[in-house]
Amino acid sequence: MLIPWQQLNSETLQRLIESYVLREGTDYGDEEVSLADKANAVLQQIQQGQVLILYSELHESVDLLTRQQYQHLLQNDPATDC
C-alpha cells in the first residue's frame, strides 16, 4: 500500500528517511555528504514523487522505493499489496 508522505507526521517521515539513508551504503566519492544533506535530498525526491513510501501488511514494514522500483515490483508481482 502506498502511503502519501503528507499523511505522516514530520518526525516519523524524517526518521524513515534517515533509516533509509543510513542503510543505503552509497559512496559519494571524494566528498563527504552529511546525513542531513542526504536526508534532505531524499525528502525532495519524495515530495516530487520520484521516491514512494510503501507499506507491506504482509511483512509489517515500510520501505522507500523509486518510482521505477515500484513499477518493476508491480510488473513482477501483480498480487503485491499496494
N, C-alpha and C. Protein backbone atom coordinates (compact mmCIF):
# COMPACT_ATOMS: atom_id res chain seq x y z
N MET A 1 0.85 -1.15 0.00
CA MET A 1 0.00 0.00 0.00
C MET A 1 0.90 1.23 0.00
N LEU A 2 0.64 2.13 -0.92
CA LEU A 2 1.39 3.38 -0.97
C LEU A 2 0.88 4.33 0.11
N ILE A 3 1.80 4.97 0.79
CA ILE A 3 1.46 5.91 1.84
C ILE A 3 1.84 7.31 1.37
N PRO A 4 0.88 8.22 1.23
CA PRO A 4 1.23 9.60 0.87
C PRO A 4 2.08 10.22 1.98
N TRP A 5 3.19 10.85 1.59
CA TRP A 5 4.10 11.41 2.60
C TRP A 5 3.42 12.45 3.46
N GLN A 6 2.41 13.12 2.93
CA GLN A 6 1.70 14.16 3.68
C GLN A 6 0.93 13.59 4.87
N GLN A 7 0.66 12.27 4.84
CA GLN A 7 -0.11 11.64 5.92
C GLN A 7 0.77 11.26 7.11
N LEU A 8 2.07 11.33 6.95
CA LEU A 8 2.97 11.02 8.05
C LEU A 8 3.32 12.29 8.81
N ASN A 9 3.46 12.16 10.14
CA ASN A 9 3.89 13.35 10.85
C ASN A 9 5.35 13.59 10.51
N SER A 10 5.81 14.80 10.61
CA SER A 10 7.14 15.18 10.12
C SER A 10 8.26 14.41 10.79
N GLU A 11 8.13 14.12 12.09
CA GLU A 11 9.18 13.38 12.79
C GLU A 11 9.25 11.93 12.29
N THR A 12 8.11 11.31 12.06
CA THR A 12 8.08 9.94 11.54
C THR A 12 8.71 9.90 10.15
N LEU A 13 8.34 10.84 9.31
CA LEU A 13 8.90 10.90 7.96
C LEU A 13 10.41 11.09 8.01
N GLN A 14 10.87 11.98 8.87
CA GLN A 14 12.31 12.24 8.99
C GLN A 14 13.05 10.98 9.44
N ARG A 15 12.51 10.26 10.40
CA ARG A 15 13.16 9.04 10.90
C ARG A 15 13.16 7.93 9.83
N LEU A 16 12.10 7.85 9.08
CA LEU A 16 12.02 6.88 7.99
C LEU A 16 13.10 7.18 6.94
N ILE A 17 13.23 8.43 6.59
CA ILE A 17 14.23 8.84 5.61
C ILE A 17 15.64 8.58 6.14
N GLU A 18 15.89 8.93 7.39
CA GLU A 18 17.22 8.72 7.97
C GLU A 18 17.57 7.23 8.01
N SER A 19 16.61 6.39 8.35
CA SER A 19 16.83 4.95 8.36
C SER A 19 17.20 4.46 6.98
N TYR A 20 16.50 4.94 5.98
CA TYR A 20 16.76 4.57 4.59
C TYR A 20 18.16 5.01 4.17
N VAL A 21 18.51 6.24 4.48
CA VAL A 21 19.81 6.79 4.08
C VAL A 21 20.95 6.04 4.77
N LEU A 22 20.77 5.68 6.03
CA LEU A 22 21.82 5.00 6.77
C LEU A 22 22.09 3.59 6.25
N ARG A 23 21.09 2.95 5.68
CA ARG A 23 21.30 1.57 5.20
C ARG A 23 21.65 1.50 3.72
N GLU A 24 21.59 2.63 3.01
CA GLU A 24 21.82 2.58 1.57
C GLU A 24 23.26 2.29 1.19
N GLY A 25 24.24 2.76 1.96
CA GLY A 25 25.64 2.46 1.70
C GLY A 25 26.20 3.03 0.42
N THR A 26 25.67 4.12 -0.06
CA THR A 26 26.14 4.72 -1.30
C THR A 26 27.45 5.46 -1.08
N ASP A 27 28.36 5.30 -2.02
CA ASP A 27 29.64 6.02 -1.99
C ASP A 27 29.45 7.33 -2.76
N TYR A 28 29.72 8.44 -2.10
CA TYR A 28 29.53 9.74 -2.72
C TYR A 28 30.84 10.31 -3.27
N GLY A 29 31.87 9.47 -3.40
CA GLY A 29 33.12 9.93 -3.98
C GLY A 29 34.02 10.56 -2.94
N ASP A 30 34.82 11.52 -3.38
CA ASP A 30 35.81 12.16 -2.53
C ASP A 30 35.21 13.05 -1.46
N GLU A 31 34.02 13.56 -1.71
CA GLU A 31 33.39 14.48 -0.78
C GLU A 31 32.47 13.74 0.18
N GLU A 32 32.57 14.10 1.44
CA GLU A 32 31.65 13.57 2.44
C GLU A 32 30.33 14.33 2.33
N VAL A 33 29.24 13.60 2.40
CA VAL A 33 27.92 14.21 2.38
C VAL A 33 27.27 13.90 3.72
N SER A 34 26.81 14.93 4.40
CA SER A 34 26.24 14.75 5.74
C SER A 34 24.92 14.00 5.67
N LEU A 35 24.56 13.38 6.79
CA LEU A 35 23.28 12.70 6.90
C LEU A 35 22.14 13.67 6.60
N ALA A 36 22.24 14.88 7.11
CA ALA A 36 21.19 15.88 6.89
C ALA A 36 21.04 16.21 5.41
N ASP A 37 22.16 16.34 4.70
CA ASP A 37 22.09 16.65 3.26
C ASP A 37 21.49 15.48 2.48
N LYS A 38 21.89 14.26 2.83
CA LYS A 38 21.33 13.08 2.17
C LYS A 38 19.82 13.00 2.44
N ALA A 39 19.44 13.21 3.70
CA ALA A 39 18.02 13.13 4.07
C ALA A 39 17.21 14.21 3.34
N ASN A 40 17.76 15.41 3.23
CA ASN A 40 17.07 16.49 2.51
C ASN A 40 16.88 16.14 1.04
N ALA A 41 17.89 15.51 0.44
CA ALA A 41 17.78 15.11 -0.96
C ALA A 41 16.68 14.06 -1.14
N VAL A 42 16.61 13.10 -0.23
CA VAL A 42 15.57 12.07 -0.31
C VAL A 42 14.19 12.69 -0.08
N LEU A 43 14.09 13.61 0.87
CA LEU A 43 12.81 14.28 1.12
C LEU A 43 12.33 15.01 -0.14
N GLN A 44 13.23 15.68 -0.82
CA GLN A 44 12.85 16.37 -2.06
C GLN A 44 12.35 15.37 -3.11
N GLN A 45 13.02 14.22 -3.19
CA GLN A 45 12.59 13.19 -4.15
C GLN A 45 11.21 12.66 -3.79
N ILE A 46 10.95 12.51 -2.50
CA ILE A 46 9.62 12.06 -2.06
C ILE A 46 8.57 13.11 -2.42
N GLN A 47 8.86 14.36 -2.14
CA GLN A 47 7.91 15.43 -2.41
C GLN A 47 7.64 15.60 -3.91
N GLN A 48 8.63 15.25 -4.74
CA GLN A 48 8.47 15.35 -6.19
C GLN A 48 7.86 14.09 -6.81
N GLY A 49 7.62 13.07 -5.97
CA GLY A 49 7.02 11.84 -6.46
C GLY A 49 8.00 10.87 -7.11
N GLN A 50 9.29 11.13 -6.97
CA GLN A 50 10.31 10.24 -7.54
C GLN A 50 10.57 9.04 -6.63
N VAL A 51 10.35 9.21 -5.33
CA VAL A 51 10.51 8.15 -4.34
C VAL A 51 9.17 7.99 -3.63
N LEU A 52 8.74 6.74 -3.47
CA LEU A 52 7.44 6.42 -2.88
C LEU A 52 7.62 5.70 -1.56
N ILE A 53 6.63 5.83 -0.69
CA ILE A 53 6.63 5.15 0.60
C ILE A 53 5.66 3.99 0.49
N LEU A 54 6.19 2.79 0.71
CA LEU A 54 5.40 1.58 0.54
C LEU A 54 5.30 0.83 1.86
N TYR A 55 4.06 0.55 2.29
CA TYR A 55 3.83 -0.24 3.50
C TYR A 55 3.39 -1.63 3.08
N SER A 56 4.02 -2.64 3.66
CA SER A 56 3.65 -4.04 3.39
C SER A 56 2.93 -4.60 4.61
N GLU A 57 1.66 -4.91 4.45
CA GLU A 57 0.92 -5.55 5.53
C GLU A 57 1.47 -6.93 5.82
N LEU A 58 1.86 -7.63 4.77
CA LEU A 58 2.39 -8.98 4.92
C LEU A 58 3.64 -8.99 5.80
N HIS A 59 4.54 -8.07 5.56
CA HIS A 59 5.80 -8.01 6.30
C HIS A 59 5.77 -7.00 7.45
N GLU A 60 4.67 -6.29 7.56
CA GLU A 60 4.53 -5.24 8.58
C GLU A 60 5.75 -4.33 8.58
N SER A 61 6.06 -3.82 7.38
CA SER A 61 7.23 -2.97 7.22
C SER A 61 6.94 -1.82 6.27
N VAL A 62 7.79 -0.82 6.36
CA VAL A 62 7.70 0.35 5.48
C VAL A 62 9.03 0.47 4.77
N ASP A 63 8.98 0.80 3.48
CA ASP A 63 10.21 0.98 2.73
C ASP A 63 10.03 2.13 1.74
N LEU A 64 11.15 2.66 1.31
CA LEU A 64 11.16 3.69 0.28
C LEU A 64 11.62 3.04 -1.01
N LEU A 65 10.90 3.31 -2.09
CA LEU A 65 11.24 2.78 -3.40
C LEU A 65 11.20 3.91 -4.42
N THR A 66 12.09 3.83 -5.40
CA THR A 66 11.96 4.78 -6.51
C THR A 66 10.71 4.40 -7.28
N ARG A 67 10.22 5.32 -8.04
CA ARG A 67 9.04 5.04 -8.87
C ARG A 67 9.33 3.87 -9.81
N GLN A 68 10.55 3.80 -10.34
CA GLN A 68 10.92 2.71 -11.24
C GLN A 68 10.94 1.37 -10.49
N GLN A 69 11.46 1.33 -9.28
CA GLN A 69 11.46 0.09 -8.49
C GLN A 69 10.03 -0.36 -8.22
N TYR A 70 9.16 0.59 -7.93
CA TYR A 70 7.76 0.27 -7.66
C TYR A 70 7.09 -0.33 -8.90
N GLN A 71 7.33 0.28 -10.06
CA GLN A 71 6.75 -0.24 -11.30
C GLN A 71 7.27 -1.64 -11.60
N HIS A 72 8.55 -1.87 -11.36
CA HIS A 72 9.14 -3.19 -11.56
C HIS A 72 8.50 -4.21 -10.61
N LEU A 73 8.28 -3.81 -9.38
CA LEU A 73 7.63 -4.68 -8.40
C LEU A 73 6.23 -5.06 -8.86
N LEU A 74 5.48 -4.11 -9.37
CA LEU A 74 4.12 -4.39 -9.84
C LEU A 74 4.12 -5.32 -11.05
N GLN A 75 5.08 -5.12 -11.93
CA GLN A 75 5.14 -5.96 -13.14
C GLN A 75 5.50 -7.40 -12.80
N ASN A 76 6.37 -7.58 -11.82
CA ASN A 76 6.83 -8.92 -11.48
C ASN A 76 5.93 -9.63 -10.48
N ASP A 77 5.14 -8.89 -9.75
CA ASP A 77 4.25 -9.49 -8.75
C ASP A 77 2.96 -8.68 -8.67
N PRO A 78 2.05 -8.91 -9.64
CA PRO A 78 0.80 -8.13 -9.67
C PRO A 78 -0.03 -8.26 -8.40
N ALA A 79 0.23 -9.30 -7.60
CA ALA A 79 -0.54 -9.51 -6.38
C ALA A 79 0.04 -8.69 -5.22
N THR A 80 1.07 -7.90 -5.50
CA THR A 80 1.67 -7.09 -4.45
C THR A 80 0.61 -6.23 -3.80
N ASP A 81 0.62 -6.19 -2.49
CA ASP A 81 -0.35 -5.41 -1.72
C ASP A 81 0.06 -3.95 -1.75
N CYS A 82 -0.41 -3.23 -2.76
CA CYS A 82 -0.03 -1.83 -2.91
C CYS A 82 -1.24 -0.96 -2.84
